[in-house]
Amino acid sequence: MTVHILGIDPGASTGLAAFDGGALTFLKTIEPHSIEHNLRHCMPARVVFEDSRLERRAWNARTKKDYGAALATARSLGQVDAWCSLITAICADLGIPAHGISPTAKGAKLDAEAFALVTRWSARSNQHERDAAMVAWPYRRTAR
């Protein structure tokens, strides 16, 4: 499988998006435990992932309705941070150049219709897959 650029949106439902020659070739949703398997299978020339660790401010407890909701958000964010570290380590081990992009730098989330206009992808997609594609979008024509 030829994949020049692989975009990843880490999370409990991890989105993957592959680009070859600038064209979006596949979208996929996996569980985090499958990240390494998918990287080994694709062996992309570069990985670009949404990296929550790059955000200065991820959430504000005052915006949550209660303390429990703020703690749940913090726990979820901690898991995503760990998956970002895992992606970085696996890519380093495999010799795949990889870098993270902050969620803010990636830009606003796109619904399926807006995503299709930007990418010309007409097949089904979910938010995780679209985020993975958009984090890698600026790099889609990069060889390395």
Protein backbone atom coordinates (compact mmCIF):
# COMPACT_ATOMS: atom_id res chain seq x y z
CA MET A 1 0.00 0.00 0.00
CA THR A 2 1.44 3.36 -1.01
CA VAL A 3 0.87 6.07 1.54
CA HIS A 4 2.92 9.20 1.36
CA ILE A 5 1.21 11.10 4.16
CA LEU A 6 -0.84 9.56 6.96
CA GLY A 7 -2.98 11.86 9.07
CA ILE A 8 -4.04 10.69 12.53
CA ASP A 9 -6.66 12.04 14.91
CA PRO A 10 -5.89 10.17 18.15
CA GLY A 11 -8.71 9.29 20.50
CA ALA A 12 -10.86 6.44 21.73
CA SER A 13 -11.97 6.33 18.08
CA THR A 14 -8.77 7.14 16.21
CA GLY A 15 -9.21 8.56 12.72
CA LEU A 16 -6.76 7.77 9.92
CA ALA A 17 -6.50 9.49 6.55
CA ALA A 18 -4.03 8.56 3.81
CA PHE A 19 -2.79 10.76 0.99
CA ASP A 20 -0.87 9.61 -2.05
CA GLY A 21 0.23 12.10 -4.68
CA GLY A 22 -1.89 14.75 -3.00
CA ALA A 23 -5.10 12.72 -3.30
CA LEU A 24 -7.03 11.37 -0.34
CA THR A 25 -6.96 7.59 -0.80
CA PHE A 26 -8.65 6.24 2.32
CA LEU A 27 -10.30 7.12 5.59
CA LYS A 28 -10.52 4.68 8.46
CA THR A 29 -11.45 4.59 12.14
CA ILE A 30 -9.49 2.31 14.46
CA GLU A 31 -9.08 1.70 18.17
CA PRO A 32 -5.88 3.09 19.73
CA HIS A 33 -4.38 -0.37 20.27
CA SER A 34 -4.26 -0.73 16.45
CA ILE A 35 -2.14 2.37 15.84
CA GLU A 36 1.16 0.50 15.64
CA HIS A 37 -0.25 -2.24 13.40
CA ASN A 38 -1.62 0.34 10.97
CA LEU A 39 1.64 2.31 10.91
CA ARG A 40 3.61 -0.87 10.17
CA HIS A 41 1.12 -1.87 7.47
CA CYS A 42 1.13 1.52 5.70
CA MET A 43 4.75 2.59 6.38
CA PRO A 44 3.96 6.16 5.29
CA ALA A 45 6.67 8.58 4.27
CA ARG A 46 5.39 11.00 6.94
CA VAL A 47 2.83 11.04 9.75
CA VAL A 48 1.00 14.19 10.78
CA PHE A 49 -1.21 13.93 13.85
CA GLU A 50 -3.44 16.19 15.89
CA ASP A 51 -1.40 16.76 19.04
CA SER A 52 -3.37 17.89 22.08
CA ARG A 53 -0.10 18.44 23.96
CA LEU A 54 0.52 21.54 21.83
CA GLU A 55 -2.52 23.40 23.16
CA ARG A 56 -1.76 25.93 25.88
CA ARG A 57 -5.29 25.75 27.21
CA ALA A 58 -7.36 22.67 26.51
CA TRP A 59 -10.36 23.36 28.74
CA ASN A 60 -11.59 25.56 31.49
CA ALA A 61 -13.20 24.02 34.58
CA ARG A 62 -15.44 27.08 34.92
CA THR A 63 -17.14 26.19 31.62
CA LYS A 64 -18.12 22.75 32.90
CA LYS A 65 -21.44 22.35 34.68
CA ASP A 66 -19.81 20.51 37.56
CA TYR A 67 -16.48 19.38 38.90
CA GLY A 68 -17.09 15.78 37.72
CA ALA A 69 -17.43 16.89 34.11
CA ALA A 70 -14.17 18.84 34.39
CA LEU A 71 -12.40 15.75 35.75
CA ALA A 72 -13.80 13.56 32.96
CA THR A 73 -12.49 16.05 30.39
CA ALA A 74 -9.06 16.04 32.04
CA ARG A 75 -8.96 12.24 32.07
CA SER A 76 -9.90 12.05 28.39
CA LEU A 77 -7.32 14.67 27.49
CA GLY A 78 -4.66 12.73 29.41
CA GLN A 79 -5.45 9.61 27.39
CA VAL A 80 -5.15 11.51 24.11
CA ASP A 81 -1.85 13.02 25.27
CA ALA A 82 -0.57 9.48 25.94
CA TRP A 83 -1.64 8.31 22.48
CA CYS A 84 0.21 11.28 20.96
CA SER A 85 3.35 10.19 22.83
CA LEU A 86 2.80 6.64 21.58
CA ILE A 87 2.49 7.77 17.95
CA THR A 88 5.71 9.78 18.29
CA ALA A 89 7.58 6.81 19.81
CA ILE A 90 6.32 4.25 17.28
CA CYS A 91 7.17 6.50 14.35
CA ALA A 92 10.66 7.11 15.77
CA ASP A 93 11.15 3.36 16.18
CA LEU A 94 10.04 2.75 12.57
CA GLY A 95 12.07 5.65 11.17
CA ILE A 96 8.96 7.50 9.99
CA PRO A 97 9.16 11.31 10.21
CA ALA A 98 6.24 12.49 12.35
CA HIS A 99 5.03 15.73 13.83
CA GLY A 100 2.00 17.00 15.66
CA ILE A 101 -0.29 19.89 14.84
CA SER A 102 -2.32 21.59 17.55
CA PRO A 103 -6.10 21.25 17.29
CA THR A 104 -6.33 25.03 16.93
CA ALA A 105 -3.83 25.08 14.04
CA LYS A 106 -5.77 22.29 12.29
CA GLY A 107 -8.75 24.58 12.05
CA ALA A 108 -12.45 24.22 12.59
CA LYS A 109 -14.21 20.90 12.29
CA LEU A 110 -15.87 20.27 8.93
CA ASP A 111 -19.16 18.53 8.41
CA ALA A 112 -19.39 15.92 5.64
CA GLU A 113 -20.66 18.42 3.07
CA ALA A 114 -17.92 20.99 3.66
CA PHE A 115 -15.32 18.20 3.78
CA ALA A 116 -16.47 16.92 0.38
CA LEU A 117 -16.14 20.40 -1.11
CA VAL A 118 -12.58 20.78 0.17
CA THR A 119 -11.26 17.26 -0.45
CA ARG A 120 -13.59 15.94 -3.19
CA TRP A 121 -14.18 12.89 -0.98
CA SER A 122 -17.72 11.72 -1.71
CA ALA A 123 -17.79 8.51 0.34
CA ARG A 124 -18.96 8.27 3.93
CA SER A 125 -16.80 9.84 6.63
CA ASN A 126 -17.01 10.53 10.33
CA GLN A 127 -15.62 13.41 12.38
CA HIS A 128 -12.52 11.49 13.48
CA GLU A 129 -11.62 10.60 9.89
CA ARG A 130 -12.28 14.15 8.68
CA ASP A 131 -10.09 15.57 11.47
CA ALA A 132 -7.28 13.15 10.52
CA ALA A 133 -7.54 14.27 6.90
CA MET A 134 -7.56 17.96 7.74
CA VAL A 135 -4.57 17.77 10.08
CA ALA A 136 -2.54 16.30 7.18
CA TRP A 137 -4.18 18.36 4.42
CA PRO A 138 -1.46 21.05 4.18
CA TYR A 139 1.18 18.30 3.81
CA ARG A 140 -0.66 16.08 1.33
CA ARG A 141 1.69 16.88 -1.56
CA THR A 142 4.88 16.63 0.49
CA ALA A 143 7.12 13.72 -0.41
CA ARG A 144 8.89 13.66 2.99
